[in-house]
Amino acid sequence: MESPRARRSRRARPSRRRPLMYTALASVAIVGGTAAGTVYVKAQAHSGAETVSSAASSSAAAASSPAASASSEEASVEPVVVPAVDHDALLADALDAVTVPDDADVSVAVLDLDSGDSATYGDAAFDTASIVKVDILATLLLQAQDEDRSLTAAEKSYATTMIENSDNASASALWRIIGEAAGLDAANKRFGLTDTEGGDGMLWGLTQTTAADQLTLLQQVFGDDSKLSKASQEYLQRLMGQIATDQHWGVSAAADGSSWALKNGWLPRSTTGLWDINSIGRVTAADGNDYLVVALSNGNATKEKGISLVESAARAAVSVFTGEGTDASASASAALASQ
């Protein structure tokens, strides 16, 4: 290819060829030049038209207009590549401001529903405690869809108290109806969960899951590409938006006001005396965007400390995309450390 200095020393005579009309945009690139200074320009129509090549001799190049020279200069400019954003690294940095007690562990995941960008911190498995109730109801709704039926009056009653009030007896009733762990695992395979395993027997609260899997589950509840019908999604979303007042904590800490839908889980482990505290849901943040947020934790000394931890983690997660809330997370963590 000739040098920029050589190009500036020549002027190309305007082409006498009739302009070619394309039905689609053409991509243009300078692909070569001869020793005599001939420049070859290749135009390829995206619609699949034939490649067109033109050559101008050195004598013809002398008559080139300044505009043609400028166009040639522009055609040789390389596109600017914008580096990809490592949201996982940004989330890890944001969580540096969150104080995690020595015996506790936390894992977080967040997805911006508007952009589709997501971030995850930690891949360990956690007890679900009562957040599995969202999975239980999603499984029931999927099974009802397969059977082309609506939920029965009893199933609706169980579903309402299970989600809104976190009633364990209702959860146990629906756990039996869906076929316990086998039914849950079969539905989760269709939902796209890969690291979640239903609890043994009636121990649904000891279902094992990861933050990434819970984010996948939330996408089934709130996303566009779901195995659940629109009616099933709206039903589950409505219940998660009507949680009992005493359970207004968790990922809702990252919301702007009361625009959220969630399910929390809390479980004191009899073997250690420490608490599992989890929260999953959708929040509308200060930037007006909707986010799916998962915060899982275990090893908390008290329920209150666990709540503070997951709330700080949820705020940190959303701040990766909004740029806000890091100060609030740090203040909450400081309060947690002083307890």
Protein backbone atom coordinates (compact mmCIF):
# COMPACT_ATOMS: atom_id res chain seq x y z
CA MET A 1 0.00 0.00 0.00
CA GLU A 2 1.42 3.42 -0.90
CA SER A 3 2.43 5.77 1.89
CA PRO A 4 0.34 8.82 2.96
CA ARG A 5 3.11 11.06 1.56
CA ALA A 6 2.83 9.36 -1.87
CA ARG A 7 -0.94 9.72 -1.82
CA ARG A 8 -0.71 13.44 -1.10
CA SER A 9 1.66 13.90 -4.11
CA ARG A 10 -0.93 12.60 -6.56
CA ARG A 11 -4.30 13.84 -7.71
CA ALA A 12 -6.68 11.28 -9.20
CA ARG A 13 -8.82 12.13 -12.20
CA PRO A 14 -12.56 11.86 -11.41
CA SER A 15 -13.88 8.50 -12.56
CA ARG A 16 -15.93 8.44 -15.75
CA ARG A 17 -17.72 5.28 -14.56
CA ARG A 18 -21.40 5.56 -13.86
CA PRO A 19 -22.05 5.37 -10.03
CA LEU A 20 -23.06 1.96 -8.75
CA MET A 21 -26.33 1.77 -6.82
CA TYR A 22 -26.47 -0.61 -3.87
CA THR A 23 -29.54 -1.72 -1.96
CA ALA A 24 -27.44 -2.20 1.18
CA LEU A 25 -24.51 -0.33 2.74
CA ALA A 26 -21.13 -1.17 1.25
CA SER A 27 -17.95 -1.65 3.20
CA VAL A 28 -14.91 0.00 1.59
CA ALA A 29 -11.27 -0.80 2.18
CA ILE A 30 -7.99 -0.02 0.41
CA VAL A 31 -6.55 -3.42 -0.36
CA GLY A 32 -3.35 -2.80 -2.34
CA GLY A 33 -1.25 -0.69 -4.68
CA THR A 34 1.18 -1.29 -7.52
CA ALA A 35 4.75 -0.13 -7.76
CA ALA A 36 3.60 2.54 -10.24
CA GLY A 37 1.28 4.00 -7.63
CA THR A 38 -1.99 2.39 -8.72
CA VAL A 39 -4.47 2.19 -5.82
CA TYR A 40 -7.04 -0.56 -5.73
CA VAL A 41 -10.31 0.03 -3.87
CA LYS A 42 -12.65 -2.84 -3.13
CA ALA A 43 -16.36 -2.29 -2.40
CA GLN A 44 -18.42 -5.21 -1.10
CA ALA A 45 -22.18 -4.80 -0.81
CA HIS A 46 -23.66 -6.41 2.32
CA SER A 47 -26.55 -7.64 0.20
CA GLY A 48 -24.21 -10.10 -1.49
CA ALA A 49 -23.47 -8.08 -4.68
CA GLU A 50 -20.30 -8.74 -6.68
CA THR A 51 -17.06 -7.25 -5.45
CA VAL A 52 -16.17 -4.18 -7.50
CA SER A 53 -12.54 -3.12 -8.04
CA SER A 54 -11.30 0.13 -9.58
CA ALA A 55 -7.77 1.12 -10.50
CA ALA A 56 -6.37 4.52 -11.33
CA SER A 57 -3.05 4.99 -13.07
CA SER A 58 -0.47 7.40 -11.76
CA SER A 59 -1.31 9.85 -14.55
CA ALA A 60 -5.01 9.70 -13.71
CA ALA A 61 -4.26 10.15 -10.04
CA ALA A 62 -2.78 13.56 -10.80
CA ALA A 63 -6.26 14.96 -11.52
CA SER A 64 -7.75 13.83 -8.22
CA SER A 65 -9.78 16.37 -6.27
CA PRO A 66 -8.96 17.23 -2.63
CA ALA A 67 -12.28 15.65 -1.62
CA ALA A 68 -11.34 12.34 -3.25
CA SER A 69 -8.00 12.43 -1.46
CA ALA A 70 -9.75 13.06 1.85
CA SER A 71 -12.11 10.16 1.20
CA SER A 72 -9.13 7.91 0.58
CA GLU A 73 -7.59 9.06 3.85
CA GLU A 74 -10.83 8.32 5.73
CA ALA A 75 -11.15 4.86 4.19
CA SER A 76 -7.83 3.84 5.68
CA VAL A 77 -8.71 4.81 9.26
CA GLU A 78 -8.91 1.81 11.60
CA PRO A 79 -12.06 1.54 13.78
CA VAL A 80 -11.62 2.34 17.45
CA VAL A 81 -12.17 -0.73 19.64
CA VAL A 82 -13.84 0.04 22.96
CA PRO A 83 -12.53 -2.33 25.64
CA ALA A 84 -15.11 -4.56 27.31
CA VAL A 85 -16.07 -3.70 30.87
CA ASP A 86 -15.20 -6.38 33.43
CA HIS A 87 -18.28 -6.10 35.64
CA ASP A 88 -17.19 -9.03 37.81
CA ALA A 89 -13.99 -7.15 38.70
CA LEU A 90 -15.97 -3.98 39.40
CA LEU A 91 -18.28 -5.94 41.70
CA ALA A 92 -15.32 -7.44 43.56
CA ASP A 93 -13.93 -3.91 44.02
CA ALA A 94 -17.31 -2.64 45.26
CA LEU A 95 -17.51 -5.45 47.80
CA ASP A 96 -14.15 -4.40 49.23
CA ALA A 97 -16.13 -1.69 51.03
CA VAL A 98 -18.41 -4.30 52.63
CA THR A 99 -17.28 -5.72 55.96
CA VAL A 100 -17.81 -9.48 56.09
CA PRO A 101 -17.48 -10.95 59.60
CA ASP A 102 -14.80 -13.60 60.06
CA ASP A 103 -17.19 -16.56 60.25
CA ALA A 104 -19.50 -15.35 57.48
CA ASP A 105 -19.46 -15.84 53.72
CA VAL A 106 -21.33 -13.86 51.08
CA SER A 107 -22.01 -14.27 47.37
CA VAL A 108 -23.73 -11.73 45.15
CA ALA A 109 -25.10 -11.49 41.61
CA VAL A 110 -26.74 -8.61 39.75
CA LEU A 111 -28.19 -8.10 36.27
CA ASP A 112 -29.23 -4.86 34.57
CA LEU A 113 -32.50 -5.72 32.86
CA ASP A 114 -32.14 -2.79 30.45
CA SER A 115 -28.66 -3.54 29.13
CA GLY A 116 -28.44 -7.27 29.88
CA ASP A 117 -25.07 -6.75 31.59
CA SER A 118 -24.44 -8.78 34.75
CA ALA A 119 -21.87 -9.40 37.45
CA THR A 120 -21.29 -12.22 39.93
CA TYR A 121 -19.14 -12.49 43.03
CA GLY A 122 -18.49 -15.94 44.48
CA ASP A 123 -19.49 -19.37 43.20
CA ALA A 124 -19.93 -21.32 46.45
CA ALA A 125 -23.13 -23.19 47.25
CA PHE A 126 -25.43 -21.91 50.00
CA ASP A 127 -28.54 -23.17 51.80
CA THR A 128 -31.53 -21.48 50.21
CA ALA A 129 -33.62 -21.21 53.38
CA SER A 130 -36.94 -19.60 52.36
CA ILE A 131 -35.83 -18.08 49.04
CA VAL A 132 -36.49 -21.57 47.62
CA LYS A 133 -40.17 -20.72 47.91
CA VAL A 134 -39.89 -18.70 44.69
CA ASP A 135 -38.47 -21.79 43.01
CA ILE A 136 -41.21 -23.99 44.44
CA LEU A 137 -43.95 -21.73 43.07
CA ALA A 138 -42.18 -21.35 39.70
CA THR A 139 -42.03 -25.16 39.50
CA LEU A 140 -45.73 -25.48 40.36
CA LEU A 141 -46.66 -22.92 37.70
CA LEU A 142 -44.54 -24.69 35.08
CA GLN A 143 -46.13 -28.03 35.91
CA ALA A 144 -49.61 -26.49 35.70
CA GLN A 145 -48.73 -25.05 32.27
CA ASP A 146 -47.62 -28.51 31.13
CA GLU A 147 -50.95 -29.91 32.29
CA ASP A 148 -52.84 -27.02 30.63
CA ARG A 149 -54.61 -26.12 33.85
CA SER A 150 -54.93 -23.26 36.31
CA LEU A 151 -53.85 -23.49 39.93
CA THR A 152 -56.49 -24.86 42.26
CA ALA A 153 -57.99 -22.68 44.98
CA ALA A 154 -55.93 -24.55 47.58
CA GLU A 155 -52.72 -24.11 45.58
CA LYS A 156 -53.37 -20.38 45.23
CA SER A 157 -53.97 -20.09 48.97
CA TYR A 158 -50.74 -21.94 49.73
CA ALA A 159 -48.84 -19.83 47.19
CA THR A 160 -50.05 -16.55 48.66
CA THR A 161 -49.13 -17.33 52.26
CA MET A 162 -45.88 -19.03 51.23
CA ILE A 163 -44.58 -15.98 49.34
CA GLU A 164 -46.18 -13.04 51.11
CA ASN A 165 -45.85 -14.38 54.67
CA SER A 166 -43.11 -16.98 54.15
CA ASP A 167 -45.40 -19.59 55.70
CA ASN A 168 -43.52 -22.88 56.07
CA ALA A 169 -46.55 -25.14 56.27
CA SER A 170 -47.77 -23.82 52.92
CA ALA A 171 -44.30 -24.37 51.45
CA SER A 172 -44.32 -27.97 52.68
CA ALA A 173 -47.74 -28.56 51.11
CA LEU A 174 -46.59 -27.27 47.72
CA TRP A 175 -43.27 -29.11 48.03
CA ARG A 176 -45.23 -32.35 48.18
CA ILE A 177 -47.46 -31.32 45.25
CA ILE A 178 -44.51 -30.60 42.94
CA GLY A 179 -42.86 -33.93 43.79
CA GLU A 180 -40.33 -32.65 46.30
CA ALA A 181 -36.67 -32.43 45.17
CA ALA A 182 -37.21 -34.51 42.01
CA GLY A 183 -39.90 -32.13 40.77
CA LEU A 184 -37.87 -29.05 41.65
CA ASP A 185 -34.73 -30.37 39.99
CA ALA A 186 -36.58 -31.29 36.79
CA ALA A 187 -38.07 -27.81 36.51
CA ASN A 188 -34.75 -26.17 37.29
CA LYS A 189 -33.10 -28.07 34.47
CA ARG A 190 -35.62 -26.51 32.09
CA PHE A 191 -35.15 -23.09 33.70
CA GLY A 192 -31.41 -23.29 33.07
CA LEU A 193 -30.19 -23.71 36.66
CA THR A 194 -27.08 -25.91 36.74
CA ASP A 195 -25.86 -25.83 40.35
CA THR A 196 -29.05 -26.11 42.41
CA GLU A 197 -30.11 -29.34 44.13
CA GLY A 198 -33.32 -29.83 46.07
CA GLY A 199 -33.13 -30.67 49.76
CA ASP A 200 -33.56 -34.24 50.97
CA GLY A 201 -37.04 -35.39 51.92
CA MET A 202 -39.03 -32.50 53.36
CA LEU A 203 -35.94 -30.38 54.02
CA TRP A 204 -36.70 -27.90 51.22
CA GLY A 205 -34.92 -25.12 53.14
CA LEU A 206 -31.63 -26.99 52.75
CA THR A 207 -31.81 -26.89 48.96
CA GLN A 208 -28.33 -25.95 47.74
CA THR A 209 -27.86 -23.13 45.24
CA THR A 210 -25.47 -20.48 43.95
CA ALA A 211 -25.88 -16.76 43.36
CA ALA A 212 -25.54 -17.31 39.61
CA ASP A 213 -28.33 -19.90 39.62
CA GLN A 214 -30.63 -17.64 41.61
CA LEU A 215 -30.02 -14.88 39.07
CA THR A 216 -31.03 -17.35 36.35
CA LEU A 217 -34.20 -18.15 38.30
CA LEU A 218 -35.04 -14.45 38.65
CA GLN A 219 -34.68 -14.08 34.88
CA GLN A 220 -37.37 -16.75 34.53
CA VAL A 221 -39.63 -14.71 36.80
CA PHE A 222 -38.88 -11.21 35.47
CA GLY A 223 -37.17 -11.66 32.09
CA ASP A 224 -38.51 -11.83 28.54
CA ASP A 225 -37.07 -15.23 27.59
CA SER A 226 -38.83 -17.47 30.11
CA LYS A 227 -40.32 -20.94 30.29
CA LEU A 228 -43.11 -19.40 32.35
CA SER A 229 -46.05 -17.84 30.59
CA LYS A 230 -46.66 -14.13 30.92
CA ALA A 231 -49.59 -14.85 33.23
CA SER A 232 -47.44 -17.09 35.44
CA GLN A 233 -44.71 -14.46 35.61
CA GLU A 234 -47.12 -11.69 36.53
CA TYR A 235 -48.72 -13.86 39.22
CA LEU A 236 -45.38 -14.59 40.88
CA GLN A 237 -44.19 -10.99 40.50
CA ARG A 238 -47.35 -9.71 42.14
CA LEU A 239 -46.92 -11.94 45.19
CA MET A 240 -43.25 -10.94 45.55
CA GLY A 241 -44.34 -7.29 45.50
CA GLN A 242 -46.74 -7.82 48.43
CA ILE A 243 -44.37 -9.16 51.07
CA ALA A 244 -45.44 -8.77 54.71
CA THR A 245 -44.20 -5.55 56.30
CA ASP A 246 -41.89 -7.27 58.76
CA GLN A 247 -40.00 -8.75 55.80
CA HIS A 248 -39.26 -5.44 54.05
CA TRP A 249 -35.51 -5.92 54.11
CA GLY A 250 -32.81 -7.44 51.95
CA VAL A 251 -32.23 -6.47 48.31
CA SER A 252 -34.89 -3.76 48.67
CA ALA A 253 -32.13 -1.71 50.35
CA ALA A 254 -30.76 -1.09 46.83
CA ALA A 255 -34.10 0.21 45.53
CA ASP A 256 -35.14 3.82 45.07
CA GLY A 257 -38.13 3.98 47.36
CA SER A 258 -40.67 1.16 47.35
CA SER A 259 -40.20 -0.07 43.79
CA TRP A 260 -39.16 -3.67 44.41
CA ALA A 261 -40.33 -7.29 44.52
CA LEU A 262 -38.45 -9.82 46.63
CA LYS A 263 -38.27 -12.97 48.72
CA ASN A 264 -36.05 -13.33 51.76
CA GLY A 265 -34.78 -16.39 53.56
CA TRP A 266 -33.45 -16.81 57.09
CA LEU A 267 -32.48 -19.99 58.88
CA PRO A 268 -30.60 -20.57 62.15
CA ARG A 269 -28.47 -23.68 61.78
CA SER A 270 -28.85 -25.98 64.76
CA THR A 271 -25.39 -27.46 64.27
CA THR A 272 -23.53 -24.14 64.54
CA GLY A 273 -25.99 -21.63 65.98
CA LEU A 274 -25.13 -19.35 63.01
CA TRP A 275 -27.60 -17.88 60.55
CA ASP A 276 -28.23 -18.29 56.82
CA ILE A 277 -29.57 -14.96 55.53
CA ASN A 278 -30.52 -14.61 51.86
CA SER A 279 -32.45 -12.19 49.66
CA ILE A 280 -33.43 -12.24 45.97
CA GLY A 281 -35.57 -9.95 43.85
CA ARG A 282 -36.01 -7.07 41.44
CA VAL A 283 -35.35 -3.46 42.35
CA THR A 284 -35.70 -0.14 40.55
CA ALA A 285 -32.61 1.90 41.40
CA ALA A 286 -32.01 5.66 41.52
CA ASP A 287 -30.99 5.69 37.84
CA GLY A 288 -34.47 4.44 36.89
CA ASN A 289 -33.22 1.07 35.66
CA ASP A 290 -34.49 -2.29 36.88
CA TYR A 291 -32.00 -4.74 38.37
CA LEU A 292 -32.23 -8.37 39.42
CA VAL A 293 -30.24 -8.83 42.63
CA VAL A 294 -29.16 -11.88 44.61
CA ALA A 295 -27.39 -11.75 47.99
CA LEU A 296 -26.61 -15.04 49.76
CA SER A 297 -24.83 -15.41 53.10
CA ASN A 298 -24.12 -17.88 55.87
CA GLY A 299 -22.18 -17.97 59.12
CA ASN A 300 -23.88 -14.86 60.51
CA ALA A 301 -23.77 -14.49 64.30
CA THR A 302 -27.31 -13.08 64.41
CA LYS A 303 -30.22 -12.56 62.05
CA GLU A 304 -29.76 -8.79 62.31
CA LYS A 305 -26.08 -8.94 61.31
CA GLY A 306 -26.95 -11.17 58.40
CA ILE A 307 -29.59 -8.72 57.20
CA SER A 308 -27.08 -5.86 57.39
CA LEU A 309 -24.59 -7.91 55.42
CA VAL A 310 -26.91 -8.82 52.54
CA GLU A 311 -28.27 -5.28 52.35
CA SER A 312 -24.75 -3.84 52.12
CA ALA A 313 -23.86 -6.45 49.49
CA ALA A 314 -27.01 -5.65 47.47
CA ARG A 315 -26.25 -1.92 47.48
CA ALA A 316 -22.66 -2.60 46.42
CA ALA A 317 -23.87 -4.84 43.58
CA VAL A 318 -26.23 -2.26 42.12
CA SER A 319 -23.60 0.47 42.50
CA VAL A 320 -21.50 -1.33 39.89
CA PHE A 321 -23.99 -0.06 37.31
CA THR A 322 -25.34 3.12 38.91
CA GLY A 323 -22.12 4.43 40.45
CA GLU A 324 -24.10 5.20 43.59
CA GLY A 325 -24.54 3.56 46.95
CA THR A 326 -20.93 2.67 47.75
CA ASP A 327 -20.81 5.18 50.61
CA ALA A 328 -24.04 3.78 52.03
CA SER A 329 -22.65 0.26 51.83
CA ALA A 330 -19.50 1.32 53.66
CA SER A 331 -21.53 3.06 56.39
CA ALA A 332 -23.78 0.02 56.85
CA SER A 333 -20.74 -2.23 57.03
CA ALA A 334 -19.18 -0.01 59.67
CA ALA A 335 -22.37 -0.22 61.70
CA LEU A 336 -22.37 -4.00 61.28
CA ALA A 337 -18.78 -4.25 62.52
CA SER A 338 -19.61 -2.23 65.62
CA GLN A 339 -22.47 -4.50 66.66
